[in-house]
């Protein structure tokens, strides 16, 4: 019976992930670190409302069998590149580092298709830098989840993102941008759980087609 740690639990993927972990018999406890409550209720669920800028308040609590990292924001919501980098890179890296220090063996990160630390695109470079940096941490297993644009029901509307998903769906009808075709947040969450259940030591990356296949496995 496993204890799962989750950050980003109020986002599209993270919220679905927590719901699925609660229902999964292989997990006895789901520990969430968030800036606000998820609104979910379960005897399995343990929630910590934290200030990400004060790691001394939470780093000793980051103990379990796996850390699922699904934290993220948009450039518009963050208000600028520096603020978005702090959420998408710095906060996630700080949590990963705390987990590694506390001997959490497995780290599962929601990254992005096209992530590359040398990319000329800010978002892809930011995601690539996070992948690069967490690989230096002392986890037994690191699993990189690399979806395309996400779709599903959000607590907040993201007009620009919704338009982007619609455009990519259109281009996919022409056979273009297959690697970046949309994927549901619930599908990504299922793939994250299955990637953990299949995990072996080392670093593994899962691209879009692999995520769809993983999500079909209900074992």
N, C-alpha and C. Protein backbone atom coordinates (compact mmCIF):
# COMPACT_ATOMS: atom_id res chain seq x y z
N UNK A 1 0.85 -1.19 0.00
CA UNK A 1 0.00 0.00 0.00
C UNK A 1 0.88 1.24 0.00
N UNK A 2 0.59 2.17 -0.90
CA UNK A 2 1.48 3.29 -1.15
C UNK A 2 0.92 4.61 -0.64
N UNK A 3 1.84 5.53 -0.34
CA UNK A 3 1.48 6.91 -0.02
C UNK A 3 1.92 7.80 -1.18
N UNK A 4 0.96 8.52 -1.76
CA UNK A 4 1.23 9.41 -2.88
C UNK A 4 1.27 10.85 -2.39
N UNK A 5 2.24 11.61 -2.86
CA UNK A 5 2.35 13.04 -2.60
C UNK A 5 1.99 13.77 -3.89
N UNK A 6 1.24 14.86 -3.77
CA UNK A 6 0.78 15.57 -4.97
C UNK A 6 0.94 17.07 -4.78
N UNK A 7 1.54 17.75 -5.77
CA UNK A 7 1.46 19.21 -5.85
C UNK A 7 0.80 19.56 -7.18
N UNK A 8 0.07 20.67 -7.16
CA UNK A 8 -0.71 21.04 -8.34
C UNK A 8 -2.08 20.40 -8.34
N UNK A 9 -2.61 20.10 -7.15
CA UNK A 9 -3.83 19.31 -7.02
C UNK A 9 -5.11 20.05 -7.39
N UNK A 10 -5.05 21.36 -7.57
CA UNK A 10 -6.26 22.09 -7.95
C UNK A 10 -6.30 22.41 -9.44
N UNK A 11 -5.28 21.99 -10.18
CA UNK A 11 -5.26 22.20 -11.62
C UNK A 11 -5.99 21.11 -12.38
N UNK A 12 -6.03 21.23 -13.68
CA UNK A 12 -6.78 20.30 -14.52
C UNK A 12 -6.31 18.86 -14.35
N UNK A 13 -5.01 18.63 -14.46
CA UNK A 13 -4.47 17.28 -14.31
C UNK A 13 -4.45 16.86 -12.84
N UNK A 14 -3.94 17.74 -11.99
CA UNK A 14 -3.78 17.40 -10.58
C UNK A 14 -5.07 17.04 -9.88
N UNK A 15 -6.15 17.77 -10.19
CA UNK A 15 -7.44 17.49 -9.55
C UNK A 15 -7.93 16.11 -9.96
N UNK A 16 -7.82 15.79 -11.25
CA UNK A 16 -8.20 14.46 -11.72
C UNK A 16 -7.31 13.38 -11.09
N UNK A 17 -6.05 13.70 -10.95
CA UNK A 17 -5.10 12.76 -10.36
C UNK A 17 -5.48 12.41 -8.93
N UNK A 18 -5.78 13.42 -8.13
CA UNK A 18 -6.15 13.18 -6.73
C UNK A 18 -7.41 12.33 -6.64
N UNK A 19 -8.40 12.64 -7.46
CA UNK A 19 -9.64 11.84 -7.46
C UNK A 19 -9.34 10.38 -7.79
N UNK A 20 -8.49 10.15 -8.78
CA UNK A 20 -8.18 8.78 -9.18
C UNK A 20 -7.34 8.06 -8.14
N UNK A 21 -6.43 8.76 -7.50
CA UNK A 21 -5.62 8.16 -6.44
C UNK A 21 -6.49 7.74 -5.26
N UNK A 22 -7.46 8.57 -4.93
CA UNK A 22 -8.37 8.25 -3.83
C UNK A 22 -9.13 6.95 -4.12
N UNK A 23 -9.50 6.75 -5.37
CA UNK A 23 -10.27 5.56 -5.76
C UNK A 23 -9.39 4.33 -5.97
N UNK A 24 -8.08 4.52 -6.04
CA UNK A 24 -7.17 3.42 -6.36
C UNK A 24 -6.82 2.63 -5.10
N UNK A 25 -7.10 1.34 -5.11
CA UNK A 25 -6.88 0.50 -3.93
C UNK A 25 -5.40 0.33 -3.60
N UNK A 26 -4.51 0.64 -4.53
CA UNK A 26 -3.08 0.49 -4.27
C UNK A 26 -2.51 1.63 -3.44
N UNK A 27 -3.29 2.68 -3.22
CA UNK A 27 -2.82 3.83 -2.44
C UNK A 27 -3.62 3.94 -1.15
N UNK A 28 -2.92 3.95 -0.04
CA UNK A 28 -3.57 4.03 1.27
C UNK A 28 -3.71 5.48 1.73
N UNK A 29 -2.84 6.37 1.22
CA UNK A 29 -2.88 7.78 1.62
C UNK A 29 -2.50 8.66 0.44
N UNK A 30 -3.20 9.79 0.32
CA UNK A 30 -2.90 10.79 -0.70
C UNK A 30 -2.65 12.11 0.02
N UNK A 31 -1.42 12.59 -0.03
CA UNK A 31 -1.03 13.80 0.69
C UNK A 31 -0.87 14.93 -0.32
N UNK A 32 -1.67 15.96 -0.15
CA UNK A 32 -1.71 17.09 -1.10
C UNK A 32 -1.09 18.32 -0.46
N UNK A 33 -0.25 19.01 -1.22
CA UNK A 33 0.31 20.30 -0.83
C UNK A 33 -0.19 21.33 -1.83
N UNK A 34 -0.93 22.32 -1.34
CA UNK A 34 -1.60 23.25 -2.25
C UNK A 34 -1.73 24.62 -1.61
N UNK A 35 -1.98 25.61 -2.46
CA UNK A 35 -2.21 26.97 -1.96
C UNK A 35 -3.65 27.17 -1.54
N UNK A 36 -4.55 26.27 -1.98
CA UNK A 36 -5.95 26.32 -1.56
C UNK A 36 -6.51 24.91 -1.53
N UNK A 37 -7.62 24.73 -0.83
CA UNK A 37 -8.20 23.41 -0.65
C UNK A 37 -8.73 22.86 -1.97
N UNK A 38 -8.69 21.56 -2.11
CA UNK A 38 -9.19 20.92 -3.33
C UNK A 38 -10.71 20.84 -3.35
N UNK A 39 -11.32 20.82 -2.17
CA UNK A 39 -12.77 20.61 -2.09
C UNK A 39 -13.15 19.15 -2.08
N UNK A 40 -12.16 18.26 -2.13
CA UNK A 40 -12.42 16.82 -2.09
C UNK A 40 -12.40 16.33 -0.65
N UNK A 41 -13.05 15.20 -0.43
CA UNK A 41 -13.13 14.63 0.92
C UNK A 41 -12.97 13.12 0.85
N UNK A 42 -12.08 12.59 1.68
CA UNK A 42 -11.86 11.15 1.74
C UNK A 42 -11.02 10.84 2.97
N UNK A 43 -11.26 9.68 3.60
CA UNK A 43 -10.39 9.27 4.71
C UNK A 43 -8.93 9.11 4.28
N UNK A 44 -8.71 8.87 2.99
CA UNK A 44 -7.35 8.73 2.47
C UNK A 44 -6.63 10.07 2.32
N UNK A 45 -7.40 11.14 2.20
CA UNK A 45 -6.85 12.43 1.79
C UNK A 45 -6.33 13.24 2.97
N UNK A 46 -5.09 13.71 2.84
CA UNK A 46 -4.48 14.61 3.82
C UNK A 46 -4.03 15.86 3.08
N UNK A 47 -4.59 17.01 3.43
CA UNK A 47 -4.29 18.25 2.72
C UNK A 47 -3.48 19.21 3.58
N UNK A 48 -2.47 19.80 2.98
CA UNK A 48 -1.67 20.83 3.63
C UNK A 48 -1.75 22.10 2.78
N UNK A 49 -2.28 23.16 3.34
CA UNK A 49 -2.29 24.46 2.66
C UNK A 49 -0.96 25.13 2.97
N UNK A 50 -0.16 25.36 1.94
CA UNK A 50 1.22 25.79 2.15
C UNK A 50 1.53 27.08 1.41
N UNK A 51 2.58 27.73 1.89
CA UNK A 51 3.18 28.87 1.20
C UNK A 51 4.44 28.33 0.51
N UNK A 52 4.42 28.28 -0.80
CA UNK A 52 5.54 27.70 -1.54
C UNK A 52 6.83 28.48 -1.32
N UNK A 53 6.72 29.73 -0.89
CA UNK A 53 7.91 30.55 -0.66
C UNK A 53 8.53 30.30 0.71
N UNK A 54 7.91 29.42 1.50
CA UNK A 54 8.43 29.14 2.84
C UNK A 54 8.63 27.63 3.02
N UNK A 55 9.64 27.07 2.37
CA UNK A 55 9.85 25.62 2.41
C UNK A 55 10.10 25.08 3.81
N UNK A 56 10.57 25.92 4.71
CA UNK A 56 10.80 25.45 6.08
C UNK A 56 9.51 24.99 6.75
N UNK A 57 8.36 25.44 6.23
CA UNK A 57 7.07 25.06 6.80
C UNK A 57 6.59 23.70 6.31
N UNK A 58 7.06 23.24 5.17
CA UNK A 58 6.49 22.01 4.59
C UNK A 58 7.50 20.94 4.18
N UNK A 59 8.78 21.28 4.04
CA UNK A 59 9.71 20.33 3.45
C UNK A 59 9.85 19.04 4.26
N UNK A 60 9.67 19.12 5.59
CA UNK A 60 9.78 17.92 6.42
C UNK A 60 8.59 16.98 6.26
N UNK A 61 7.50 17.47 5.63
CA UNK A 61 6.29 16.67 5.44
C UNK A 61 6.30 15.91 4.12
N UNK A 62 7.27 16.19 3.27
CA UNK A 62 7.29 15.60 1.92
C UNK A 62 7.92 14.20 2.00
N UNK A 63 7.12 13.26 2.49
CA UNK A 63 7.58 11.88 2.69
C UNK A 63 6.53 10.91 2.19
N UNK A 64 6.93 9.96 1.38
CA UNK A 64 5.99 8.98 0.83
C UNK A 64 6.69 8.08 -0.17
N UNK A 65 5.91 7.43 -1.01
CA UNK A 65 6.45 6.50 -2.00
C UNK A 65 6.65 7.13 -3.37
N UNK A 66 5.91 8.21 -3.65
CA UNK A 66 6.01 8.84 -4.96
C UNK A 66 5.53 10.29 -4.85
N UNK A 67 6.23 11.19 -5.54
CA UNK A 67 5.78 12.57 -5.67
C UNK A 67 5.28 12.79 -7.09
N UNK A 68 3.99 13.12 -7.20
CA UNK A 68 3.39 13.51 -8.48
C UNK A 68 3.40 15.03 -8.56
N UNK A 69 4.06 15.58 -9.56
CA UNK A 69 4.21 17.03 -9.68
C UNK A 69 3.46 17.53 -10.89
N UNK A 70 2.35 18.25 -10.64
CA UNK A 70 1.50 18.75 -11.73
C UNK A 70 1.23 20.24 -11.57
N UNK A 71 2.14 20.94 -10.93
CA UNK A 71 1.96 22.36 -10.67
C UNK A 71 2.24 23.17 -11.93
N UNK A 72 1.48 24.22 -12.15
CA UNK A 72 1.72 25.07 -13.31
C UNK A 72 0.74 26.22 -13.38
N UNK A 73 1.10 27.22 -14.15
CA UNK A 73 0.24 28.37 -14.35
C UNK A 73 0.42 28.85 -15.79
N UNK A 74 -0.28 29.90 -16.16
CA UNK A 74 -0.12 30.48 -17.49
C UNK A 74 0.62 31.81 -17.37
N UNK A 75 1.16 32.26 -18.48
CA UNK A 75 1.84 33.55 -18.50
C UNK A 75 0.88 34.67 -18.14
N UNK A 76 -0.35 34.60 -18.65
CA UNK A 76 -1.33 35.64 -18.36
C UNK A 76 -1.71 35.67 -16.89
N UNK A 77 -1.94 34.51 -16.31
CA UNK A 77 -2.33 34.46 -14.90
C UNK A 77 -1.19 34.87 -13.99
N UNK A 78 0.03 34.44 -14.33
CA UNK A 78 1.19 34.77 -13.50
C UNK A 78 1.53 36.26 -13.57
N UNK A 79 1.27 36.88 -14.73
CA UNK A 79 1.54 38.29 -14.89
C UNK A 79 2.90 38.60 -15.48
N UNK A 80 3.64 37.57 -15.88
CA UNK A 80 4.94 37.80 -16.50
C UNK A 80 5.77 36.54 -16.49
N UNK A 81 6.86 36.54 -17.26
CA UNK A 81 7.69 35.35 -17.40
C UNK A 81 8.38 34.99 -16.09
N UNK A 82 8.85 35.98 -15.35
CA UNK A 82 9.54 35.70 -14.10
C UNK A 82 8.62 35.00 -13.11
N UNK A 83 7.40 35.47 -13.00
CA UNK A 83 6.44 34.86 -12.07
C UNK A 83 6.04 33.47 -12.53
N UNK A 84 5.86 33.28 -13.84
CA UNK A 84 5.52 31.94 -14.32
C UNK A 84 6.67 30.98 -14.09
N UNK A 85 7.89 31.42 -14.29
CA UNK A 85 9.05 30.56 -14.07
C UNK A 85 9.13 30.13 -12.61
N UNK A 86 8.78 31.04 -11.73
CA UNK A 86 8.82 30.71 -10.30
C UNK A 86 7.88 29.55 -9.98
N UNK A 87 6.67 29.58 -10.55
CA UNK A 87 5.69 28.52 -10.30
C UNK A 87 6.07 27.25 -11.03
N UNK A 88 6.28 27.34 -12.33
CA UNK A 88 6.46 26.16 -13.16
C UNK A 88 7.83 25.50 -12.98
N UNK A 89 8.83 26.27 -12.63
CA UNK A 89 10.16 25.69 -12.43
C UNK A 89 10.56 25.69 -10.96
N UNK A 90 10.67 26.87 -10.36
CA UNK A 90 11.29 26.97 -9.03
C UNK A 90 10.51 26.22 -7.96
N UNK A 91 9.21 26.43 -7.90
CA UNK A 91 8.42 25.74 -6.87
C UNK A 91 8.45 24.23 -7.07
N UNK A 92 8.34 23.78 -8.30
CA UNK A 92 8.36 22.34 -8.55
C UNK A 92 9.73 21.75 -8.21
N UNK A 93 10.79 22.48 -8.57
CA UNK A 93 12.13 21.98 -8.26
C UNK A 93 12.35 21.91 -6.76
N UNK A 94 11.90 22.94 -6.02
CA UNK A 94 12.06 22.94 -4.57
C UNK A 94 11.37 21.74 -3.93
N UNK A 95 10.16 21.43 -4.40
CA UNK A 95 9.45 20.27 -3.86
C UNK A 95 10.17 18.98 -4.23
N UNK A 96 10.63 18.88 -5.45
CA UNK A 96 11.35 17.69 -5.86
C UNK A 96 12.62 17.50 -5.03
N UNK A 97 13.34 18.58 -4.79
CA UNK A 97 14.56 18.50 -4.00
C UNK A 97 14.26 18.05 -2.58
N UNK A 98 13.18 18.56 -1.99
CA UNK A 98 12.78 18.14 -0.65
C UNK A 98 12.44 16.66 -0.63
N UNK A 99 11.71 16.21 -1.64
CA UNK A 99 11.35 14.79 -1.72
C UNK A 99 12.59 13.92 -1.84
N UNK A 100 13.54 14.32 -2.66
CA UNK A 100 14.77 13.55 -2.83
C UNK A 100 15.55 13.49 -1.52
N UNK A 101 15.63 14.60 -0.81
CA UNK A 101 16.34 14.61 0.48
C UNK A 101 15.66 13.69 1.48
N UNK A 102 14.33 13.58 1.38
CA UNK A 102 13.57 12.74 2.30
C UNK A 102 13.43 11.30 1.82
N UNK A 103 14.20 10.94 0.80
CA UNK A 103 14.27 9.57 0.30
C UNK A 103 12.98 9.07 -0.34
N UNK A 104 12.18 9.98 -0.90
CA UNK A 104 11.06 9.56 -1.74
C UNK A 104 11.67 8.93 -2.99
N UNK A 105 11.33 7.68 -3.32
CA UNK A 105 12.06 7.00 -4.40
C UNK A 105 11.67 7.37 -5.82
N UNK A 106 10.40 7.78 -6.02
CA UNK A 106 9.90 7.97 -7.39
C UNK A 106 9.34 9.38 -7.56
N UNK A 107 9.70 10.00 -8.68
CA UNK A 107 9.22 11.35 -9.01
C UNK A 107 8.55 11.30 -10.37
N UNK A 108 7.30 11.76 -10.44
CA UNK A 108 6.53 11.79 -11.69
C UNK A 108 6.21 13.25 -12.00
N UNK A 109 6.72 13.76 -13.10
CA UNK A 109 6.58 15.18 -13.46
C UNK A 109 5.76 15.36 -14.71
N UNK A 110 4.74 16.21 -14.65
CA UNK A 110 4.04 16.63 -15.86
C UNK A 110 4.86 17.72 -16.52
N UNK A 111 5.48 17.41 -17.63
CA UNK A 111 6.27 18.36 -18.39
C UNK A 111 5.48 18.76 -19.63
N UNK A 112 6.08 18.69 -20.78
CA UNK A 112 5.39 19.09 -22.01
C UNK A 112 6.06 18.46 -23.22
N UNK A 113 5.27 18.14 -24.22
CA UNK A 113 5.84 17.79 -25.52
C UNK A 113 6.68 18.96 -26.01
N UNK A 114 7.85 18.67 -26.52
CA UNK A 114 8.71 19.73 -27.05
C UNK A 114 9.58 20.42 -26.04
N UNK A 115 9.55 19.98 -24.77
CA UNK A 115 10.39 20.60 -23.74
C UNK A 115 11.86 20.46 -24.12
N UNK A 116 12.60 21.58 -24.02
CA UNK A 116 14.00 21.57 -24.43
C UNK A 116 14.69 22.76 -23.77
N UNK A 117 15.72 22.51 -22.96
CA UNK A 117 16.39 23.62 -22.27
C UNK A 117 17.07 24.61 -23.21
N UNK A 118 17.24 24.25 -24.47
CA UNK A 118 17.86 25.14 -25.45
C UNK A 118 16.85 25.75 -26.42
N UNK A 119 15.57 25.56 -26.14
CA UNK A 119 14.53 26.08 -27.04
C UNK A 119 14.54 27.60 -27.06
N UNK A 120 14.19 28.17 -28.19
CA UNK A 120 14.06 29.62 -28.29
C UNK A 120 12.72 30.10 -27.75
N UNK A 121 11.81 29.16 -27.48
CA UNK A 121 10.49 29.48 -26.93
C UNK A 121 10.54 29.42 -25.42
N UNK A 122 10.10 30.47 -24.75
CA UNK A 122 10.21 30.56 -23.30
C UNK A 122 9.60 29.35 -22.60
N UNK A 123 8.37 28.99 -22.97
CA UNK A 123 7.66 27.91 -22.27
C UNK A 123 8.40 26.58 -22.42
N UNK A 124 8.79 26.24 -23.63
CA UNK A 124 9.49 24.98 -23.86
C UNK A 124 10.86 24.97 -23.19
N UNK A 125 11.53 26.11 -23.18
CA UNK A 125 12.83 26.20 -22.51
C UNK A 125 12.67 26.02 -21.00
N UNK A 126 11.64 26.65 -20.42
CA UNK A 126 11.37 26.53 -18.99
C UNK A 126 11.11 25.08 -18.60
N UNK A 127 10.27 24.39 -19.39
CA UNK A 127 9.97 22.99 -19.10
C UNK A 127 11.21 22.12 -19.28
N UNK A 128 12.00 22.41 -20.31
CA UNK A 128 13.22 21.65 -20.53
C UNK A 128 14.24 21.86 -19.42
N UNK A 129 14.35 23.07 -18.91
CA UNK A 129 15.27 23.34 -17.81
C UNK A 129 14.85 22.60 -16.55
N UNK A 130 13.55 22.49 -16.31
CA UNK A 130 13.08 21.74 -15.14
C UNK A 130 13.42 20.26 -15.30
N UNK A 131 13.15 19.69 -16.48
CA UNK A 131 13.52 18.30 -16.72
C UNK A 131 15.02 18.08 -16.46
N UNK A 132 15.83 18.95 -17.02
CA UNK A 132 17.28 18.84 -16.85
C UNK A 132 17.68 18.90 -15.38
N UNK A 133 17.10 19.83 -14.64
CA UNK A 133 17.51 20.05 -13.26
C UNK A 133 17.06 18.91 -12.33
N UNK A 134 15.84 18.40 -12.51
CA UNK A 134 15.39 17.34 -11.61
C UNK A 134 16.13 16.03 -11.87
N UNK A 135 16.67 15.86 -13.06
CA UNK A 135 17.44 14.65 -13.35
C UNK A 135 18.71 14.56 -12.50
N UNK A 136 19.14 15.68 -11.95
CA UNK A 136 20.33 15.70 -11.09
C UNK A 136 20.01 15.32 -9.66
N UNK A 137 18.74 15.21 -9.31
CA UNK A 137 18.34 14.87 -7.94
C UNK A 137 18.41 13.36 -7.74
N UNK A 138 18.57 12.95 -6.48
CA UNK A 138 18.83 11.55 -6.17
C UNK A 138 17.54 10.75 -5.98
N UNK A 139 16.75 10.64 -7.04
CA UNK A 139 15.60 9.74 -7.05
C UNK A 139 16.04 8.40 -7.64
N UNK A 140 15.39 7.33 -7.19
CA UNK A 140 15.61 6.03 -7.83
C UNK A 140 15.02 6.02 -9.24
N UNK A 141 13.83 6.65 -9.38
CA UNK A 141 13.11 6.66 -10.65
C UNK A 141 12.55 8.05 -10.93
N UNK A 142 12.74 8.54 -12.14
CA UNK A 142 12.15 9.80 -12.59
C UNK A 142 11.35 9.52 -13.85
N UNK A 143 10.07 9.89 -13.83
CA UNK A 143 9.17 9.66 -14.95
C UNK A 143 8.68 11.00 -15.48
N UNK A 144 8.98 11.29 -16.73
CA UNK A 144 8.63 12.56 -17.35
C UNK A 144 7.41 12.35 -18.25
N UNK A 145 6.32 13.01 -17.91
CA UNK A 145 5.06 12.91 -18.63
C UNK A 145 4.97 14.10 -19.58
N UNK A 146 4.89 13.84 -20.91
CA UNK A 146 5.05 14.91 -21.89
C UNK A 146 3.82 15.02 -22.79
N UNK A 147 2.72 15.58 -22.26
CA UNK A 147 1.50 15.71 -23.07
C UNK A 147 1.56 16.90 -24.01
N UNK A 148 0.61 16.91 -24.95
CA UNK A 148 0.36 18.10 -25.76
C UNK A 148 -0.58 19.02 -25.00
N UNK A 149 -1.29 19.90 -25.69
CA UNK A 149 -2.25 20.79 -25.03
C UNK A 149 -3.31 19.99 -24.27
N UNK A 150 -3.69 20.50 -23.11
CA UNK A 150 -4.65 19.81 -22.26
C UNK A 150 -6.06 20.32 -22.49
N UNK A 151 -7.02 19.42 -22.42
CA UNK A 151 -8.41 19.86 -22.46
C UNK A 151 -9.20 19.14 -21.37
N UNK A 152 -10.28 19.76 -20.96
CA UNK A 152 -11.11 19.23 -19.89
C UNK A 152 -11.74 20.38 -19.13
N UNK A 153 -12.54 20.04 -18.14
CA UNK A 153 -13.25 21.06 -17.36
C UNK A 153 -12.32 21.67 -16.34
N UNK A 154 -12.13 22.98 -16.42
CA UNK A 154 -11.30 23.71 -15.47
C UNK A 154 -12.18 24.55 -14.55
N UNK A 155 -11.59 24.88 -13.39
CA UNK A 155 -12.27 25.79 -12.48
C UNK A 155 -12.17 27.23 -12.96
N UNK A 156 -11.25 27.47 -13.89
CA UNK A 156 -11.06 28.81 -14.44
C UNK A 156 -11.02 28.72 -15.95
N UNK A 157 -11.44 29.75 -16.63
CA UNK A 157 -11.44 29.75 -18.09
C UNK A 157 -10.10 30.26 -18.61
N UNK A 158 -9.60 29.62 -19.66
CA UNK A 158 -8.35 30.04 -20.29
C UNK A 158 -8.63 30.19 -21.77
N UNK A 159 -9.06 31.39 -22.17
CA UNK A 159 -9.50 31.61 -23.54
C UNK A 159 -8.40 31.31 -24.55
N UNK A 160 -7.21 31.83 -24.30
CA UNK A 160 -6.13 31.61 -25.25
C UNK A 160 -5.78 30.15 -25.41
N UNK A 161 -5.76 29.43 -24.30
CA UNK A 161 -5.46 28.00 -24.35
C UNK A 161 -6.54 27.25 -25.09
N UNK A 162 -7.81 27.61 -24.85
CA UNK A 162 -8.91 26.95 -25.54
C UNK A 162 -8.84 27.17 -27.05
N UNK A 163 -8.47 28.39 -27.46
CA UNK A 163 -8.32 28.67 -28.88
C UNK A 163 -7.18 27.86 -29.48
N UNK A 164 -6.10 27.72 -28.71
CA UNK A 164 -4.97 26.94 -29.18
C UNK A 164 -5.34 25.48 -29.40
N UNK A 165 -6.09 24.92 -28.45
CA UNK A 165 -6.55 23.53 -28.59
C UNK A 165 -7.41 23.37 -29.83
N UNK A 166 -8.32 24.33 -30.06
CA UNK A 166 -9.21 24.27 -31.23
C UNK A 166 -8.40 24.31 -32.53
N UNK A 167 -7.38 25.18 -32.58
CA UNK A 167 -6.56 25.28 -33.79
C UNK A 167 -5.78 23.99 -34.05
N UNK A 168 -5.22 23.42 -32.97
CA UNK A 168 -4.44 22.20 -33.14
C UNK A 168 -5.34 21.05 -33.57
N UNK A 169 -6.55 20.99 -33.04
CA UNK A 169 -7.49 19.96 -33.48
C UNK A 169 -7.77 20.10 -34.99
N UNK A 170 -7.90 21.35 -35.44
CA UNK A 170 -8.14 21.57 -36.87
C UNK A 170 -6.96 21.09 -37.70
N UNK A 171 -5.75 21.46 -37.28
CA UNK A 171 -4.57 21.05 -38.05
C UNK A 171 -4.36 19.54 -38.01
N UNK A 172 -4.81 18.90 -36.92
CA UNK A 172 -4.68 17.45 -36.86
C UNK A 172 -5.56 16.76 -37.88
N UNK A 173 -6.66 17.40 -38.26
CA UNK A 173 -7.50 16.82 -39.32
C UNK A 173 -6.75 16.82 -40.65
N UNK A 174 -5.72 17.65 -40.75
CA UNK A 174 -4.88 17.70 -41.95
C UNK A 174 -3.62 16.85 -41.79
N UNK A 175 -3.51 16.18 -40.64
CA UNK A 175 -2.34 15.33 -40.40
C UNK A 175 -1.14 16.08 -39.86
N UNK A 176 -1.34 17.30 -39.39
CA UNK A 176 -0.25 18.12 -38.88
C UNK A 176 -0.25 18.15 -37.35
N UNK A 177 0.91 18.38 -36.76
CA UNK A 177 1.06 18.58 -35.32
C UNK A 177 0.54 17.40 -34.50
N UNK A 178 0.71 16.18 -35.00
CA UNK A 178 0.21 15.02 -34.27
C UNK A 178 0.80 14.94 -32.86
N UNK A 179 2.07 15.29 -32.74
CA UNK A 179 2.74 15.23 -31.44
C UNK A 179 2.11 16.17 -30.43
N UNK A 180 1.44 17.21 -30.93
CA UNK A 180 0.88 18.23 -30.04
C UNK A 180 -0.64 18.19 -30.00
N UNK A 181 -1.23 17.07 -30.38
CA UNK A 181 -2.69 17.01 -30.36
C UNK A 181 -3.18 17.01 -28.91
N UNK A 182 -4.39 17.53 -28.66
CA UNK A 182 -4.90 17.67 -27.30
C UNK A 182 -5.11 16.32 -26.61
N UNK A 183 -5.03 16.36 -25.29
CA UNK A 183 -5.25 15.18 -24.46
C UNK A 183 -5.99 15.62 -23.20
N UNK A 184 -6.91 14.81 -22.75
CA UNK A 184 -7.70 15.15 -21.57
C UNK A 184 -6.89 15.09 -20.29
N UNK A 185 -7.20 15.98 -19.36
CA UNK A 185 -6.52 15.98 -18.07
C UNK A 185 -6.69 14.67 -17.33
N UNK A 186 -7.87 14.05 -17.45
CA UNK A 186 -8.12 12.76 -16.79
C UNK A 186 -7.28 11.66 -17.41
N UNK A 187 -7.03 11.75 -18.71
CA UNK A 187 -6.19 10.76 -19.40
C UNK A 187 -4.75 10.87 -18.93
N UNK A 188 -4.25 12.09 -18.82
CA UNK A 188 -2.89 12.31 -18.32
C UNK A 188 -2.76 11.77 -16.91
N UNK A 189 -3.76 12.02 -16.07
CA UNK A 189 -3.73 11.54 -14.69
C UNK A 189 -3.64 10.01 -14.64
N UNK A 190 -4.45 9.33 -15.44
CA UNK A 190 -4.40 7.86 -15.47
C UNK A 190 -3.03 7.38 -15.93
N UNK A 191 -2.48 8.05 -16.93
CA UNK A 191 -1.16 7.67 -17.43
C UNK A 191 -0.08 7.86 -16.36
N UNK A 192 -0.19 8.91 -15.57
CA UNK A 192 0.77 9.15 -14.49
C UNK A 192 0.75 8.00 -13.49
N UNK A 193 -0.43 7.59 -13.10
CA UNK A 193 -0.55 6.50 -12.13
C UNK A 193 0.00 5.20 -12.70
N UNK A 194 -0.35 4.91 -13.95
CA UNK A 194 0.13 3.67 -14.56
C UNK A 194 1.65 3.70 -14.77
N UNK A 195 2.20 4.86 -15.09
CA UNK A 195 3.65 4.95 -15.25
C UNK A 195 4.35 4.62 -13.94
N UNK A 196 3.77 5.07 -12.83
CA UNK A 196 4.34 4.75 -11.51
C UNK A 196 4.25 3.26 -11.22
N UNK A 197 3.11 2.66 -11.52
CA UNK A 197 2.93 1.23 -11.23
C UNK A 197 3.88 0.35 -12.04
N UNK A 198 4.29 0.84 -13.21
CA UNK A 198 5.21 0.09 -14.07
C UNK A 198 6.66 0.49 -13.87
N UNK A 199 6.93 1.40 -12.97
CA UNK A 199 8.23 2.05 -12.88
C UNK A 199 9.37 1.08 -12.59
N UNK A 200 10.49 1.33 -13.24
CA UNK A 200 11.75 0.66 -12.95
C UNK A 200 12.80 1.74 -12.72
N UNK A 201 13.90 1.42 -12.05
CA UNK A 201 14.91 2.44 -11.76
C UNK A 201 15.44 3.12 -13.02
N UNK A 202 15.69 4.42 -12.89
CA UNK A 202 16.22 5.19 -14.00
C UNK A 202 15.28 6.31 -14.40
N UNK A 203 15.56 6.91 -15.54
CA UNK A 203 14.76 8.02 -16.08
C UNK A 203 14.02 7.53 -17.31
N UNK A 204 12.72 7.81 -17.36
CA UNK A 204 11.91 7.44 -18.53
C UNK A 204 11.03 8.61 -18.91
N UNK A 205 10.85 8.82 -20.21
CA UNK A 205 9.98 9.88 -20.71
C UNK A 205 8.86 9.25 -21.52
N UNK A 206 7.66 9.78 -21.36
CA UNK A 206 6.48 9.26 -22.03
C UNK A 206 5.87 10.34 -22.91
N UNK A 207 5.94 10.13 -24.22
CA UNK A 207 5.38 11.07 -25.18
C UNK A 207 3.88 10.79 -25.35
N UNK A 208 3.23 11.58 -26.18
CA UNK A 208 1.78 11.59 -26.25
C UNK A 208 1.17 10.22 -26.55
N UNK A 209 1.66 9.53 -27.58
CA UNK A 209 1.09 8.23 -27.93
C UNK A 209 1.22 7.24 -26.78
N UNK A 210 2.34 7.30 -26.07
CA UNK A 210 2.55 6.41 -24.93
C UNK A 210 1.60 6.73 -23.79
N UNK A 211 1.26 8.00 -23.62
CA UNK A 211 0.32 8.38 -22.56
C UNK A 211 -1.06 7.79 -22.83
N UNK A 212 -1.51 7.86 -24.07
CA UNK A 212 -2.81 7.28 -24.41
C UNK A 212 -2.81 5.78 -24.14
N UNK A 213 -1.71 5.10 -24.46
CA UNK A 213 -1.63 3.66 -24.23
C UNK A 213 -1.60 3.33 -22.74
N UNK A 214 -0.83 4.08 -21.99
CA UNK A 214 -0.77 3.87 -20.54
C UNK A 214 -2.14 4.05 -19.90
N UNK A 215 -2.86 5.07 -20.34
CA UNK A 215 -4.16 5.38 -19.75
C UNK A 215 -5.18 4.28 -19.98
N UNK A 216 -4.97 3.46 -21.00
CA UNK A 216 -5.90 2.36 -21.28
C UNK A 216 -5.68 1.17 -20.36
N UNK A 217 -4.51 1.13 -19.71
CA UNK A 217 -4.17 0.01 -18.83
C UNK A 217 -4.81 0.25 -17.47
N UNK A 218 -5.77 -0.57 -17.10
CA UNK A 218 -6.48 -0.40 -15.84
C UNK A 218 -6.00 -1.37 -14.77
N UNK A 219 -4.83 -1.98 -14.97
CA UNK A 219 -4.32 -2.96 -14.00
C UNK A 219 -3.89 -2.27 -12.72
